[in-house]
N, C-alpha and C. Protein backbone atom coordinates (compact mmCIF):
# COMPACT_ATOMS: atom_id res chain seq x y z
N MET A 1 -16.04 12.54 46.51
CA MET A 1 -16.13 12.23 45.04
C MET A 1 -17.77 11.84 44.95
N THR A 2 -17.82 12.06 43.94
CA THR A 2 -19.52 11.11 43.84
C THR A 2 -19.17 9.82 43.40
N LYS A 3 -20.53 9.08 43.65
CA LYS A 3 -20.87 8.01 42.63
C LYS A 3 -20.15 7.72 41.54
N GLU A 4 -21.21 8.77 40.24
CA GLU A 4 -20.46 8.78 39.38
C GLU A 4 -19.36 8.93 39.22
N GLU A 5 -18.79 9.52 39.78
CA GLU A 5 -17.10 9.75 39.33
C GLU A 5 -16.20 8.75 39.98
N ALA A 6 -16.62 8.48 40.80
CA ALA A 6 -15.66 6.64 41.67
C ALA A 6 -16.08 5.42 40.24
N ILE A 7 -17.49 5.82 39.47
CA ILE A 7 -17.71 4.74 38.63
C ILE A 7 -16.70 4.83 37.56
N LEU A 8 -16.76 6.20 36.82
CA LEU A 8 -16.16 6.81 35.96
C LEU A 8 -14.64 5.83 36.25
N GLU A 9 -13.61 6.71 37.10
CA GLU A 9 -12.31 6.58 37.84
C GLU A 9 -12.30 5.15 37.49
N MET A 10 -12.99 3.87 38.32
CA MET A 10 -13.16 2.48 38.59
C MET A 10 -13.08 1.91 37.46
N ARG A 11 -13.80 2.75 36.13
CA ARG A 11 -13.75 1.79 34.66
C ARG A 11 -12.76 2.46 33.79
N PHE A 12 -12.36 3.36 34.17
CA PHE A 12 -10.75 3.70 33.51
C PHE A 12 -9.95 2.76 34.00
N SER A 13 -10.03 2.42 35.36
CA SER A 13 -8.75 1.74 35.60
C SER A 13 -8.90 0.28 35.94
N ASN A 14 -9.50 -0.17 35.11
CA ASN A 14 -10.21 -1.47 34.79
C ASN A 14 -10.82 -2.26 35.80
N VAL A 15 -11.45 -1.93 36.76
CA VAL A 15 -11.98 -2.55 37.54
C VAL A 15 -13.08 -2.92 36.76
N GLU A 16 -13.43 -4.47 37.31
CA GLU A 16 -14.39 -5.35 36.66
C GLU A 16 -16.04 -4.91 36.96
N GLU A 17 -16.39 -4.80 35.95
CA GLU A 17 -18.13 -4.54 36.14
C GLU A 17 -19.23 -4.57 37.55
N GLU A 18 -18.46 -6.34 37.45
CA GLU A 18 -19.36 -6.84 38.75
C GLU A 18 -18.88 -6.03 40.13
N ASP A 19 -17.78 -5.92 40.34
CA ASP A 19 -16.77 -5.24 41.35
C ASP A 19 -17.01 -4.04 41.36
N ILE A 20 -17.19 -3.13 40.34
CA ILE A 20 -17.56 -1.79 40.41
C ILE A 20 -19.14 -1.81 40.94
N GLU A 21 -20.19 -2.83 41.05
CA GLU A 21 -21.58 -2.51 41.54
C GLU A 21 -21.07 -3.13 42.69
N ALA A 22 -20.69 -4.03 43.20
CA ALA A 22 -20.88 -4.51 44.30
C ALA A 22 -20.26 -3.50 45.87
N ILE A 23 -19.30 -2.60 45.18
CA ILE A 23 -18.22 -1.61 45.99
C ILE A 23 -19.21 -0.07 45.95
N ILE A 24 -20.32 -0.03 45.06
CA ILE A 24 -21.00 1.15 45.22
C ILE A 24 -22.33 1.01 45.65
N ALA A 25 -22.23 -0.53 45.74
CA ALA A 25 -23.74 -1.11 46.45
C ALA A 25 -23.59 -0.63 47.61
N LYS A 26 -22.38 -1.11 48.26
CA LYS A 26 -21.95 -0.74 50.04
C LYS A 26 -22.00 0.74 50.46
N CYS A 27 -21.80 1.86 49.28
CA CYS A 27 -22.09 3.13 49.77
C CYS A 27 -23.34 3.81 49.59
N LYS A 28 -23.39 4.73 50.95
CA LYS A 28 -24.93 4.77 51.64
C LYS A 28 -24.71 6.11 51.39
N HIS A 29 -23.85 7.02 51.33
CA HIS A 29 -23.87 8.18 51.41
C HIS A 29 -23.49 9.03 49.15
N LYS A 30 -23.83 9.78 49.29
CA LYS A 30 -23.96 10.72 48.34
C LYS A 30 -22.42 10.72 47.80
N ASN A 31 -21.90 11.08 49.04
CA ASN A 31 -20.20 11.43 48.35
C ASN A 31 -19.26 10.16 48.90
N ILE A 32 -18.83 9.77 48.20
CA ILE A 32 -17.81 8.83 48.59
C ILE A 32 -16.52 9.44 49.04
N LEU A 33 -15.82 8.35 50.23
CA LEU A 33 -14.25 8.78 50.41
C LEU A 33 -13.47 7.91 49.63
N PRO A 34 -12.58 8.97 48.97
CA PRO A 34 -11.57 7.77 48.44
C PRO A 34 -11.00 6.35 49.09
N GLN A 35 -10.69 6.81 50.47
CA GLN A 35 -9.81 6.05 51.65
C GLN A 35 -11.24 4.56 51.22
N PHE A 36 -12.43 4.55 51.64
CA PHE A 36 -13.28 3.74 51.31
C PHE A 36 -13.39 2.95 50.11
N LEU A 37 -13.18 3.68 48.66
CA LEU A 37 -13.11 3.03 47.80
C LEU A 37 -11.93 2.29 47.97
N ASP A 38 -10.44 2.69 48.38
CA ASP A 38 -9.36 2.16 47.91
C ASP A 38 -9.26 0.40 49.29
N ASP A 39 -9.71 0.76 50.12
CA ASP A 39 -10.10 -0.21 50.94
C ASP A 39 -10.74 -1.55 50.59
N GLU A 40 -12.20 -0.85 49.86
CA GLU A 40 -13.02 -2.23 49.21
C GLU A 40 -12.19 -2.65 48.05
N LEU A 41 -11.44 -1.58 46.76
CA LEU A 41 -10.86 -2.32 45.90
C LEU A 41 -9.98 -3.07 46.33
N GLU A 42 -9.25 -3.03 47.40
CA GLU A 42 -7.99 -3.82 48.02
C GLU A 42 -8.77 -4.91 48.40
N LYS A 43 -9.25 -5.61 49.09
CA LYS A 43 -10.45 -6.77 49.75
C LYS A 43 -10.69 -7.04 48.40
N LEU A 44 -10.58 -6.81 46.80
CA LEU A 44 -10.95 -7.56 45.93
C LEU A 44 -10.00 -7.94 45.33
N GLY A 45 -8.50 -7.51 45.59
CA GLY A 45 -7.43 -7.73 45.12
C GLY A 45 -7.36 -6.94 43.72
N TYR A 46 -7.62 -5.64 44.12
CA TYR A 46 -6.99 -4.36 43.30
C TYR A 46 -5.77 -4.08 44.08
N GLU A 47 -5.08 -2.92 43.04
CA GLU A 47 -4.32 -2.42 43.88
C GLU A 47 -5.01 -0.84 44.25
N ARG A 48 -4.62 -0.16 45.66
CA ARG A 48 -5.09 1.19 45.80
C ARG A 48 -4.86 2.52 44.74
N PHE A 49 -5.90 2.68 44.25
CA PHE A 49 -5.10 3.88 43.15
C PHE A 49 -5.73 4.88 44.02
N PHE A 50 -6.92 5.16 44.41
CA PHE A 50 -7.48 6.54 44.77
C PHE A 50 -6.81 7.29 46.08
N HIS A 51 -6.08 6.59 46.55
CA HIS A 51 -5.03 7.04 47.74
C HIS A 51 -4.21 8.36 46.90
N PHE A 52 -3.94 8.85 46.27
CA PHE A 52 -3.47 9.82 45.48
C PHE A 52 -4.29 11.28 46.15
N GLU A 53 -5.50 11.15 45.98
CA GLU A 53 -6.74 12.30 46.69
C GLU A 53 -6.51 12.44 47.70
N TYR A 54 -6.57 11.15 48.77
CA TYR A 54 -6.29 11.65 50.18
C TYR A 54 -5.10 12.03 50.68
N ASP A 55 -3.56 11.37 49.79
CA ASP A 55 -2.67 11.77 50.08
C ASP A 55 -2.68 13.29 50.16
N GLU A 56 -2.89 14.16 48.92
CA GLU A 56 -3.23 15.56 48.43
C GLU A 56 -3.67 16.59 49.69
N GLU A 57 -4.87 15.72 50.06
CA GLU A 57 -5.55 16.49 51.05
C GLU A 57 -4.70 16.27 52.24
N LEU A 58 -4.32 15.60 52.79
CA LEU A 58 -3.09 15.74 53.87
C LEU A 58 -1.46 16.75 53.59
N GLY A 59 -1.91 16.99 52.39
CA GLY A 59 -0.80 17.96 52.11
C GLY A 59 0.17 17.24 51.55
N GLU A 60 0.36 16.16 51.44
CA GLU A 60 1.88 15.02 51.19
C GLU A 60 1.51 15.05 49.23
N GLU A 61 2.88 14.54 48.68
CA GLU A 61 2.63 14.60 47.25
C GLU A 61 2.67 13.19 46.91
N SER A 62 2.11 12.70 45.65
CA SER A 62 1.72 11.17 45.44
C SER A 62 2.54 11.08 43.88
N PHE A 63 3.26 10.33 43.74
CA PHE A 63 3.57 10.35 42.29
C PHE A 63 3.12 8.52 41.90
N LEU A 64 1.86 8.47 41.81
CA LEU A 64 1.05 7.35 40.97
C LEU A 64 0.73 7.59 39.42
N SER A 65 1.55 6.08 38.82
CA SER A 65 1.64 5.62 37.64
C SER A 65 0.65 5.34 36.84
N PRO A 66 -0.22 5.07 36.26
CA PRO A 66 -1.10 4.03 35.46
C PRO A 66 -1.00 3.27 35.75
N SER A 67 0.37 2.29 35.22
CA SER A 67 0.85 1.36 35.75
C SER A 67 0.55 0.59 36.88
N SER A 68 0.59 1.10 37.81
CA SER A 68 0.00 0.73 39.34
C SER A 68 -1.57 0.29 39.56
N TYR A 69 -2.35 0.65 38.23
CA TYR A 69 -3.43 0.59 38.53
C TYR A 69 -4.19 -1.19 38.21
N ASN A 70 -3.17 -1.70 37.72
CA ASN A 70 -2.76 -3.22 37.94
C ASN A 70 -3.79 -4.06 38.77
N ARG A 71 -4.08 -5.03 38.23
CA ARG A 71 -4.69 -5.80 39.30
C ARG A 71 -3.96 -7.04 40.24
N LYS A 72 -4.06 -6.67 41.43
CA LYS A 72 -2.68 -8.15 41.82
C LYS A 72 -3.22 -9.10 41.58
N ARG A 73 -4.26 -10.02 41.85
CA ARG A 73 -4.66 -11.38 41.64
C ARG A 73 -4.56 -11.48 40.33
N ASN A 74 -3.64 -12.82 39.95
CA ASN A 74 -3.83 -13.70 38.82
C ASN A 74 -4.72 -14.28 38.27
N LEU A 75 -5.51 -13.65 37.11
CA LEU A 75 -6.46 -14.30 36.90
C LEU A 75 -6.08 -15.71 35.78
N GLU A 76 -7.08 -16.61 35.86
CA GLU A 76 -6.63 -17.51 35.27
C GLU A 76 -7.23 -18.44 34.42
């Protein structure tokens, strides 16, 4: 996945811009592994939503619904 694709996917999934910037700043390669994105999102309190991409690479199916894109942490 390219950085541009990752940014679009995170924006679509309502990840805050400052969190997107922090995650992308950690990316040193042109292509980004979905597992890396999920790990970083989870550290910031988001649900893992890229996992369906690496589940498919392993031949497993995942039925991820858009409702699972919600943030875990409570915003006050």
